[in-house]
Amino acid sequence: MLKIKNYVMPTTIEEAYELNKKSSSRILGGCGWIKMTKNPIGTAIDLSALALDQIEEKEDCFVIGAMVSLRQLECHEGLNQMTQGAVRECVRHIVGVQFRNCATVGGSIFGRFGFSDVLTCFLALNTEVELYPSGKIPLSEFVCQPKNREILTHIIIKKEPCEMVYLSQRNSATDFPVLACAVAWKNGRMTACVGARPMRAKAVVDETQLIQDYANEKECEQFAEMVAKTLRFQSNMRASAEYREYIAKVLIKRACRIMAQRRNGR
């Protein structure tokens, strides 16, 4: 059972940062995951008063507050238009609407969980995170860093032309993914991000341009093989490493096929 000694709702990010310096302090997100922890929390810090619960669309980017709910992501027209519905697809299997109304984007990203659909999707895009007090860094760098006492305030997704597909394999509809896959075609190159391996998501870019045309099934198959060989897969209670590697190749090829069908108007 979750035990909290002190609950604080700071009115400034500076106050929140000072409170979070203590090792017994924890930042609260939607509490969907933290409620299952057994370690007592000395000071629970609620960021609800810091106006971090909005998605702001600017000329060149989307600025997503850390307290934005997964349901807000799911319903945001601008994000889903840019990603051809990939953002909606990456969250729609997460438990249910009630849960997605509580769970936050900041919790999904800062936790850097291996099973995170949101992290898998955002890594395939041109994404930065804004931390207090250090500032902005690419999401790809952030996921490799050890956890510290900084506070995630915003996620910034740059606007750029892209074709994108998000797919996942699950043993049941609302369970954690057995494997998650986001594939994006940007600037003439394909990027595949594979999560739930079951390690945290990692993106692989087609630097050698194996894919010249994503309608070419042979090129897509070569790219899928390259991604599967580049990444490492492990076994757990949900699936074996061999199964995950096989499914990764299937989902990447399927994503390329979906992109080709869209382009052909089918």
C-alpha atoms as a PDB file:
ATOM      1  CA  MET A   1       0.000   0.000   0.000  1.00  0.00           C
ATOM      2  CA  LEU A   2       1.226   3.508  -0.834  1.00  0.00           C
ATOM      3  CA  LYS A   3       2.088   5.575   2.245  1.00  0.00           C
ATOM      4  CA  ILE A   4       2.691   9.344   2.078  1.00  0.00           C
ATOM      5  CA  LYS A   5       3.870  11.363   5.084  1.00  0.00           C
ATOM      6  CA  ASN A   6       3.554  14.886   3.633  1.00  0.00           C
ATOM      7  CA  TYR A   7       1.648  16.157   0.593  1.00  0.00           C
ATOM      8  CA  VAL A   8       2.662  19.483  -0.998  1.00  0.00           C
ATOM      9  CA  MET A   9       1.326  21.397  -4.016  1.00  0.00           C
ATOM     10  CA  PRO A  10       4.019  23.999  -4.854  1.00  0.00           C
ATOM     11  CA  THR A  11       3.087  27.150  -6.768  1.00  0.00           C
ATOM     12  CA  THR A  12       6.456  27.580  -8.511  1.00  0.00           C
ATOM     13  CA  ILE A  13       8.825  25.191 -10.257  1.00  0.00           C
ATOM     14  CA  GLU A  14      11.656  26.508  -8.057  1.00  0.00           C
ATOM     15  CA  GLU A  15       9.770  25.478  -4.927  1.00  0.00           C
ATOM     16  CA  ALA A  16       9.056  22.051  -6.414  1.00  0.00           C
ATOM     17  CA  TYR A  17      12.745  21.563  -7.245  1.00  0.00           C
ATOM     18  CA  GLU A  18      13.854  22.471  -3.716  1.00  0.00           C
ATOM     19  CA  LEU A  19      11.350  20.036  -2.228  1.00  0.00           C
ATOM     20  CA  ASN A  20      12.467  17.292  -4.617  1.00  0.00           C
ATOM     21  CA  LYS A  21      16.109  17.491  -3.533  1.00  0.00           C
ATOM     22  CA  LYS A  22      15.395  15.193  -0.592  1.00  0.00           C
ATOM     23  CA  SER A  23      15.788  11.498  -1.382  1.00  0.00           C
ATOM     24  CA  SER A  24      12.475  10.679   0.322  1.00  0.00           C
ATOM     25  CA  SER A  25      10.547  13.100  -1.937  1.00  0.00           C
ATOM     26  CA  ARG A  26       8.674  12.016  -5.060  1.00  0.00           C
ATOM     27  CA  ILE A  27       7.034  13.918  -7.899  1.00  0.00           C
ATOM     28  CA  LEU A  28       3.454  12.761  -8.462  1.00  0.00           C
ATOM     29  CA  GLY A  29       2.131  12.225 -11.974  1.00  0.00           C
ATOM     30  CA  GLY A  30      -1.147  10.426 -12.489  1.00  0.00           C
ATOM     31  CA  CYS A  31      -0.146   7.878  -9.792  1.00  0.00           C
ATOM     32  CA  GLY A  32      -1.085   4.951 -12.035  1.00  0.00           C
ATOM     33  CA  TRP A  33       2.249   3.235 -11.380  1.00  0.00           C
ATOM     34  CA  ILE A  34       3.488   4.772  -8.128  1.00  0.00           C
ATOM     35  CA  LYS A  35       0.384   3.572  -6.257  1.00  0.00           C
ATOM     36  CA  MET A  36       1.718   0.013  -6.559  1.00  0.00           C
ATOM     37  CA  THR A  37       5.059   0.785  -4.908  1.00  0.00           C
ATOM     38  CA  LYS A  38       5.743  -0.245  -1.320  1.00  0.00           C
ATOM     39  CA  ASN A  39       8.411   2.308  -0.396  1.00  0.00           C
ATOM     40  CA  PRO A  40       6.979   5.082   1.819  1.00  0.00           C
ATOM     41  CA  ILE A  41       7.128   8.635   0.438  1.00  0.00           C
ATOM     42  CA  GLY A  42       8.328  11.386   2.762  1.00  0.00           C
ATOM     43  CA  THR A  43       7.044  14.296   0.671  1.00  0.00           C
ATOM     44  CA  ALA A  44       4.708  13.841  -2.283  1.00  0.00           C
ATOM     45  CA  ILE A  45       5.000  16.785  -4.692  1.00  0.00           C
ATOM     46  CA  ASP A  46       1.940  17.567  -6.822  1.00  0.00           C
ATOM     47  CA  LEU A  47       2.679  19.749  -9.880  1.00  0.00           C
ATOM     48  CA  SER A  48      -1.000  20.449 -10.610  1.00  0.00           C
ATOM     49  CA  ALA A  49      -0.686  24.166  -9.729  1.00  0.00           C
ATOM     50  CA  LEU A  50       2.115  24.813 -12.260  1.00  0.00           C
ATOM     51  CA  ALA A  51      -0.046  24.972 -15.419  1.00  0.00           C
ATOM     52  CA  LEU A  52       1.693  21.975 -17.008  1.00  0.00           C
ATOM     53  CA  ASP A  53      -1.534  20.313 -18.164  1.00  0.00           C
ATOM     54  CA  GLN A  54      -1.874  21.863 -21.631  1.00  0.00           C
ATOM     55  CA  ILE A  55      -0.718  21.075 -25.180  1.00  0.00           C
ATOM     56  CA  GLU A  56       0.381  24.253 -26.957  1.00  0.00           C
ATOM     57  CA  GLU A  57       0.642  24.183 -30.739  1.00  0.00           C
ATOM     58  CA  LYS A  58       3.226  26.623 -32.062  1.00  0.00           C
ATOM     59  CA  GLU A  59       4.323  27.373 -35.602  1.00  0.00           C
ATOM     60  CA  ASP A  60       7.223  24.909 -35.502  1.00  0.00           C
ATOM     61  CA  CYS A  61       6.416  22.518 -32.642  1.00  0.00           C
ATOM     62  CA  PHE A  62       3.986  21.083 -30.122  1.00  0.00           C
ATOM     63  CA  VAL A  63       4.779  21.853 -26.472  1.00  0.00           C
ATOM     64  CA  ILE A  64       3.282  19.219 -24.177  1.00  0.00           C
ATOM     65  CA  GLY A  65       3.159  19.884 -20.439  1.00  0.00           C
ATOM     66  CA  ALA A  66       4.320  17.083 -18.173  1.00  0.00           C
ATOM     67  CA  MET A  67       0.886  16.919 -16.482  1.00  0.00           C
ATOM     68  CA  VAL A  68      -1.004  16.448 -19.763  1.00  0.00           C
ATOM     69  CA  SER A  69      -3.056  13.258 -19.584  1.00  0.00           C
ATOM     70  CA  LEU A  70      -2.759  10.401 -22.051  1.00  0.00           C
ATOM     71  CA  ARG A  71      -6.390  11.050 -22.975  1.00  0.00           C
ATOM     72  CA  GLN A  72      -5.492  14.609 -24.039  1.00  0.00           C
ATOM     73  CA  LEU A  73      -2.816  13.149 -26.331  1.00  0.00           C
ATOM     74  CA  GLU A  74      -5.304  10.680 -27.733  1.00  0.00           C
ATOM     75  CA  CYS A  75      -7.794  13.418 -28.622  1.00  0.00           C
ATOM     76  CA  HIS A  76      -5.428  16.143 -29.883  1.00  0.00           C
ATOM     77  CA  GLU A  77      -6.215  16.837 -33.535  1.00  0.00           C
ATOM     78  CA  GLY A  78      -2.948  18.587 -34.409  1.00  0.00           C
ATOM     79  CA  LEU A  79      -0.665  15.834 -33.098  1.00  0.00           C
ATOM     80  CA  ASN A  80      -2.719  13.103 -34.705  1.00  0.00           C
ATOM     81  CA  GLN A  81      -2.899  14.905 -38.018  1.00  0.00           C
ATOM     82  CA  MET A  82       0.899  15.276 -38.126  1.00  0.00           C
ATOM     83  CA  THR A  83       1.455  11.606 -37.211  1.00  0.00           C
ATOM     84  CA  GLN A  84      -1.464  10.131 -39.205  1.00  0.00           C
ATOM     85  CA  GLY A  85      -3.066   8.904 -35.988  1.00  0.00           C
ATOM     86  CA  ALA A  86       0.080   7.254 -34.565  1.00  0.00           C
ATOM     87  CA  VAL A  87      -0.142   9.207 -31.295  1.00  0.00           C
ATOM     88  CA  ARG A  88      -3.750   8.084 -30.810  1.00  0.00           C
ATOM     89  CA  GLU A  89      -2.824   4.497 -31.643  1.00  0.00           C
ATOM     90  CA  CYS A  90       0.050   4.437 -29.154  1.00  0.00           C
ATOM     91  CA  VAL A  91      -2.208   5.198 -26.179  1.00  0.00           C
ATOM     92  CA  ARG A  92      -5.600   3.708 -27.070  1.00  0.00           C
ATOM     93  CA  HIS A  93      -4.714   0.235 -25.714  1.00  0.00           C
ATOM     94  CA  ILE A  94      -3.533   1.556 -22.339  1.00  0.00           C
ATOM     95  CA  VAL A  95      -6.048   0.085 -19.852  1.00  0.00           C
ATOM     96  CA  GLY A  96      -9.138   2.260 -20.460  1.00  0.00           C
ATOM     97  CA  VAL A  97     -10.383   5.828 -20.880  1.00  0.00           C
ATOM     98  CA  GLN A  98     -10.702   6.357 -17.112  1.00  0.00           C
ATOM     99  CA  PHE A  99      -7.059   5.377 -16.594  1.00  0.00           C
ATOM    100  CA  ARG A 100      -5.875   7.499 -19.537  1.00  0.00           C
ATOM    101  CA  ASN A 101      -7.672  10.501 -18.026  1.00  0.00           C
ATOM    102  CA  CYS A 102      -5.389  10.141 -14.983  1.00  0.00           C
ATOM    103  CA  ALA A 103      -2.048   8.879 -16.340  1.00  0.00           C
ATOM    104  CA  THR A 104       0.290  11.677 -17.452  1.00  0.00           C
ATOM    105  CA  VAL A 105       2.696  12.090 -20.354  1.00  0.00           C
ATOM    106  CA  GLY A 106       5.403  13.258 -17.950  1.00  0.00           C
ATOM    107  CA  GLY A 107       5.096  10.097 -15.878  1.00  0.00           C
ATOM    108  CA  SER A 108       5.365   7.916 -18.982  1.00  0.00           C
ATOM    109  CA  ILE A 109       8.437   9.741 -20.294  1.00  0.00           C
ATOM    110  CA  PHE A 110      10.307  10.427 -17.039  1.00  0.00           C
ATOM    111  CA  GLY A 111       9.809   6.847 -15.862  1.00  0.00           C
ATOM    112  CA  ARG A 112      11.555   5.565 -19.001  1.00  0.00           C
ATOM    113  CA  PHE A 113       9.719   2.280 -18.596  1.00  0.00           C
ATOM    114  CA  GLY A 114      10.535  -0.489 -21.040  1.00  0.00           C
ATOM    115  CA  PHE A 115       6.824  -1.068 -21.662  1.00  0.00           C
ATOM    116  CA  SER A 116       6.024   2.607 -22.413  1.00  0.00           C
ATOM    117  CA  ASP A 117       4.031   3.023 -25.633  1.00  0.00           C
ATOM    118  CA  VAL A 118       4.361   6.812 -25.389  1.00  0.00           C
ATOM    119  CA  LEU A 119       8.158   6.690 -25.151  1.00  0.00           C
ATOM    120  CA  THR A 120       8.330   4.348 -28.154  1.00  0.00           C
ATOM    121  CA  CYS A 121       6.177   6.678 -30.253  1.00  0.00           C
ATOM    122  CA  PHE A 122       7.921   9.919 -29.256  1.00  0.00           C
ATOM    123  CA  LEU A 123      11.414   8.509 -29.881  1.00  0.00           C
ATOM    124  CA  ALA A 124      10.514   8.018 -33.543  1.00  0.00           C
ATOM    125  CA  LEU A 125       9.787  11.757 -33.817  1.00  0.00           C
ATOM    126  CA  ASN A 126      12.045  14.792 -33.445  1.00  0.00           C
ATOM    127  CA  THR A 127      11.453  15.167 -29.715  1.00  0.00           C
ATOM    128  CA  GLU A 128      13.112  17.109 -26.909  1.00  0.00           C
ATOM    129  CA  VAL A 129      12.436  17.192 -23.186  1.00  0.00           C
ATOM    130  CA  GLU A 130      12.689  20.296 -21.024  1.00  0.00           C
ATOM    131  CA  LEU A 131      14.101  19.716 -17.561  1.00  0.00           C
ATOM    132  CA  TYR A 132      14.358  22.088 -14.636  1.00  0.00           C
ATOM    133  CA  PRO A 133      16.934  23.459 -14.070  1.00  0.00           C
ATOM    134  CA  SER A 134      19.200  22.140 -16.860  1.00  0.00           C
ATOM    135  CA  GLY A 135      16.996  22.960 -19.890  1.00  0.00           C
ATOM    136  CA  LYS A 136      16.284  21.137 -23.146  1.00  0.00           C
ATOM    137  CA  ILE A 137      17.939  17.942 -24.400  1.00  0.00           C
ATOM    138  CA  PRO A 138      16.952  15.429 -27.111  1.00  0.00           C
ATOM    139  CA  LEU A 139      14.696  12.641 -25.862  1.00  0.00           C
ATOM    140  CA  SER A 140      17.144  10.081 -27.288  1.00  0.00           C
ATOM    141  CA  GLU A 141      19.816  11.412 -24.878  1.00  0.00           C
ATOM    142  CA  PHE A 142      17.440  11.674 -21.940  1.00  0.00           C
ATOM    143  CA  VAL A 143      16.418   8.007 -22.045  1.00  0.00           C
ATOM    144  CA  CYS A 144      20.074   6.967 -21.696  1.00  0.00           C
ATOM    145  CA  GLN A 145      20.678   9.094 -18.604  1.00  0.00           C
ATOM    146  CA  PRO A 146      20.377   7.773 -15.050  1.00  0.00           C
ATOM    147  CA  LYS A 147      17.472   9.131 -13.026  1.00  0.00           C
ATOM    148  CA  ASN A 148      18.197  12.276 -11.036  1.00  0.00           C
ATOM    149  CA  ARG A 149      16.391  14.983  -9.085  1.00  0.00           C
ATOM    150  CA  GLU A 150      15.621  17.269 -12.022  1.00  0.00           C
ATOM    151  CA  ILE A 151      11.977  17.904 -12.902  1.00  0.00           C
ATOM    152  CA  LEU A 152      10.527  17.206 -16.328  1.00  0.00           C
ATOM    153  CA  THR A 153       8.325  20.171 -17.269  1.00  0.00           C
ATOM    154  CA  HIS A 154       7.636  19.853 -21.011  1.00  0.00           C
ATOM    155  CA  ILE A 155       8.015  17.556 -23.999  1.00  0.00           C
ATOM    156  CA  ILE A 156       8.603  19.361 -27.306  1.00  0.00           C
ATOM    157  CA  ILE A 157       7.807  17.646 -30.606  1.00  0.00           C
ATOM    158  CA  LYS A 158       9.153  19.471 -33.655  1.00  0.00           C
ATOM    159  CA  LYS A 159       6.835  19.824 -36.618  1.00  0.00           C
ATOM    160  CA  GLU A 160       8.237  18.218 -39.748  1.00  0.00           C
ATOM    161  CA  PRO A 161       6.768  16.361 -42.726  1.00  0.00           C
ATOM    162  CA  CYS A 162       6.596  12.662 -41.923  1.00  0.00           C
ATOM    163  CA  GLU A 163       4.718   9.462 -42.604  1.00  0.00           C
ATOM    164  CA  MET A 164       4.202   7.460 -39.439  1.00  0.00           C
ATOM    165  CA  VAL A 165       2.665   4.214 -38.226  1.00  0.00           C
ATOM    166  CA  TYR A 166       2.455   2.833 -34.682  1.00  0.00           C
ATOM    167  CA  LEU A 167       1.828  -0.870 -34.097  1.00  0.00           C
ATOM    168  CA  SER A 168       1.999  -3.154 -31.078  1.00  0.00           C
ATOM    169  CA  GLN A 169       1.559  -6.809 -30.218  1.00  0.00           C
ATOM    170  CA  ARG A 170      -0.339  -7.634 -27.021  1.00  0.00           C
ATOM    171  CA  ASN A 171      -1.471 -10.856 -25.401  1.00  0.00           C
ATOM    172  CA  SER A 172      -4.729  -9.112 -24.483  1.00  0.00           C
ATOM    173  CA  ALA A 173      -6.242  -5.823 -25.598  1.00  0.00           C
ATOM    174  CA  THR A 174      -5.409  -3.646 -22.582  1.00  0.00           C
ATOM    175  CA  ASP A 175      -2.290  -5.445 -21.313  1.00  0.00           C
ATOM    176  CA  PHE A 176       1.304  -4.207 -21.486  1.00  0.00           C
ATOM    177  CA  PRO A 177       2.726  -4.647 -25.001  1.00  0.00           C
ATOM    178  CA  VAL A 178       4.716  -7.766 -25.816  1.00  0.00           C
ATOM    179  CA  LEU A 179       6.420  -5.562 -28.386  1.00  0.00           C
ATOM    180  CA  ALA A 180       5.819  -1.972 -29.521  1.00  0.00           C
ATOM    181  CA  CYS A 181       6.964  -0.444 -32.790  1.00  0.00           C
ATOM    182  CA  ALA A 182       6.854   3.085 -34.231  1.00  0.00           C
ATOM    183  CA  VAL A 183       8.015   3.566 -37.820  1.00  0.00           C
ATOM    184  CA  ALA A 184       8.486   7.021 -39.352  1.00  0.00           C
ATOM    185  CA  TRP A 185       9.560   8.164 -42.835  1.00  0.00           C
ATOM    186  CA  LYS A 186      11.288  11.565 -42.500  1.00  0.00           C
ATOM    187  CA  ASN A 187      13.549  13.436 -44.902  1.00  0.00           C
ATOM    188  CA  GLY A 188      13.825  10.428 -47.199  1.00  0.00           C
ATOM    189  CA  ARG A 189      14.935   8.050 -44.435  1.00  0.00           C
ATOM    190  CA  MET A 190      13.144   5.484 -42.335  1.00  0.00           C
ATOM    191  CA  THR A 191      13.334   5.360 -38.546  1.00  0.00           C
ATOM    192  CA  ALA A 192      12.092   2.370 -36.560  1.00  0.00           C
ATOM    193  CA  CYS A 193      11.732   2.587 -32.795  1.00  0.00           C
ATOM    194  CA  VAL A 194      11.138  -0.681 -30.956  1.00  0.00           C
ATOM    195  CA  GLY A 195       9.975  -0.795 -27.340  1.00  0.00           C
ATOM    196  CA  ALA A 196       8.959  -3.467 -24.813  1.00  0.00           C
ATOM    197  CA  ARG A 197      11.917  -5.637 -25.890  1.00  0.00           C
ATOM    198  CA  PRO A 198      11.316  -5.729 -22.815  1.00  0.00           C
ATOM    199  CA  MET A 199      14.000  -3.060 -22.300  1.00  0.00           C
ATOM    200  CA  ARG A 200      13.230   0.614 -22.892  1.00  0.00           C
ATOM    201  CA  ALA A 201      12.602   1.753 -26.449  1.00  0.00           C
ATOM    202  CA  LYS A 202      15.426   2.466 -28.858  1.00  0.00           C
ATOM    203  CA  ALA A 203      15.331   4.061 -32.314  1.00  0.00           C
ATOM    204  CA  VAL A 204      17.263   2.770 -35.337  1.00  0.00           C
ATOM    205  CA  VAL A 205      17.726   5.099 -38.320  1.00  0.00           C
ATOM    206  CA  ASP A 206      18.254   3.796 -41.855  1.00  0.00           C
ATOM    207  CA  GLU A 207      21.564   5.639 -42.256  1.00  0.00           C
ATOM    208  CA  THR A 208      22.624   3.575 -45.292  1.00  0.00           C
ATOM    209  CA  GLN A 209      19.223   4.151 -46.918  1.00  0.00           C
ATOM    210  CA  LEU A 210      18.319   0.520 -47.431  1.00  0.00           C
ATOM    211  CA  ILE A 211      14.826   1.812 -48.171  1.00  0.00           C
ATOM    212  CA  GLN A 212      14.596   4.071 -51.205  1.00  0.00           C
ATOM    213  CA  ASP A 213      10.849   3.481 -51.556  1.00  0.00           C
ATOM    214  CA  TYR A 214       8.766   2.069 -48.701  1.00  0.00           C
ATOM    215  CA  ALA A 215       6.445   0.450 -51.249  1.00  0.00           C
ATOM    216  CA  ASN A 216       9.318  -1.875 -52.175  1.00  0.00           C
ATOM    217  CA  GLU A 217       8.743  -4.949 -49.986  1.00  0.00           C
ATOM    218  CA  LYS A 218      12.249  -6.331 -50.493  1.00  0.00           C
ATOM    219  CA  GLU A 219      13.846  -3.090 -49.263  1.00  0.00           C
ATOM    220  CA  CYS A 220      11.501  -3.015 -46.263  1.00  0.00           C
ATOM    221  CA  GLU A 221      12.401  -6.609 -45.437  1.00  0.00           C
ATOM    222  CA  GLN A 222      16.118  -5.763 -45.538  1.00  0.00           C
ATOM    223  CA  PHE A 223      15.521  -2.796 -43.223  1.00  0.00           C
ATOM    224  CA  ALA A 224      13.495  -4.931 -40.803  1.00  0.00           C
ATOM    225  CA  GLU A 225      16.284  -7.528 -40.695  1.00  0.00           C
ATOM    226  CA  MET A 226      18.852  -4.792 -40.027  1.00  0.00           C
ATOM    227  CA  VAL A 227      16.803  -3.348 -37.159  1.00  0.00           C
ATOM    228  CA  ALA A 228      16.298  -6.779 -35.578  1.00  0.00           C
ATOM    229  CA  LYS A 229      20.044  -7.487 -35.741  1.00  0.00           C
ATOM    230  CA  THR A 230      20.928  -4.059 -34.315  1.00  0.00           C
ATOM    231  CA  LEU A 231      18.678  -4.310 -31.261  1.00  0.00           C
ATOM    232  CA  ARG A 232      18.865  -6.719 -28.343  1.00  0.00           C
ATOM    233  CA  PHE A 233      15.812  -8.662 -27.171  1.00  0.00           C
ATOM    234  CA  GLN A 234      15.188 -10.501 -23.907  1.00  0.00           C
ATOM    235  CA  SER A 235      12.666 -12.956 -22.498  1.00  0.00           C
ATOM    236  CA  ASN A 236      10.186 -12.471 -19.673  1.00  0.00           C
ATOM    237  CA  MET A 237       6.818 -13.865 -18.549  1.00  0.00           C
ATOM    238  CA  ARG A 238       5.055 -12.390 -21.606  1.00  0.00           C
ATOM    239  CA  ALA A 239       7.270 -13.595 -24.449  1.00  0.00           C
ATOM    240  CA  SER A 240      10.653 -15.027 -25.388  1.00  0.00           C
ATOM    241  CA  ALA A 241      13.478 -13.029 -26.938  1.00  0.00           C
ATOM    242  CA  GLU A 242      13.175 -15.047 -30.162  1.00  0.00           C
ATOM    243  CA  TYR A 243       9.455 -14.303 -30.439  1.00  0.00           C
ATOM    244  CA  ARG A 244      10.028 -10.579 -29.875  1.00  0.00           C
ATOM    245  CA  GLU A 245      12.730 -10.463 -32.547  1.00  0.00           C
ATOM    246  CA  TYR A 246      10.417 -12.183 -35.018  1.00  0.00           C
ATOM    247  CA  ILE A 247       7.479  -9.889 -34.187  1.00  0.00           C
ATOM    248  CA  ALA A 248       9.685  -6.794 -34.555  1.00  0.00           C
ATOM    249  CA  LYS A 249      10.413  -7.722 -38.168  1.00  0.00           C
ATOM    250  CA  VAL A 250       6.739  -8.441 -38.845  1.00  0.00           C
ATOM    251  CA  LEU A 251       5.563  -5.102 -37.417  1.00  0.00           C
ATOM    252  CA  ILE A 252       8.188  -3.058 -39.273  1.00  0.00           C
ATOM    253  CA  LYS A 253       7.260  -4.645 -42.601  1.00  0.00           C
ATOM    254  CA  ARG A 254       3.565  -4.228 -41.826  1.00  0.00           C
ATOM    255  CA  ALA A 255       4.082  -0.535 -41.037  1.00  0.00           C
ATOM    256  CA  CYS A 256       5.835  -0.004 -44.382  1.00  0.00           C
ATOM    257  CA  ARG A 257       2.945  -1.728 -46.134  1.00  0.00           C
ATOM    258  CA  ILE A 258       0.412   0.535 -44.404  1.00  0.00           C
ATOM    259  CA  MET A 259       2.360   3.622 -45.503  1.00  0.00           C
ATOM    260  CA  ALA A 260       2.405   2.383 -49.093  1.00  0.00           C
ATOM    261  CA  GLN A 261      -1.348   1.716 -49.009  1.00  0.00           C
ATOM    262  CA  ARG A 262      -1.998   5.230 -47.720  1.00  0.00           C
ATOM    263  CA  ARG A 263       0.093   6.733 -50.493  1.00  0.00           C
ATOM    264  CA  ASN A 264      -1.832   4.743 -53.074  1.00  0.00           C
ATOM    265  CA  GLY A 265      -5.137   5.818 -51.544  1.00  0.00           C
ATOM    266  CA  ARG A 266      -6.153   2.339 -50.422  1.00  0.00           C
END
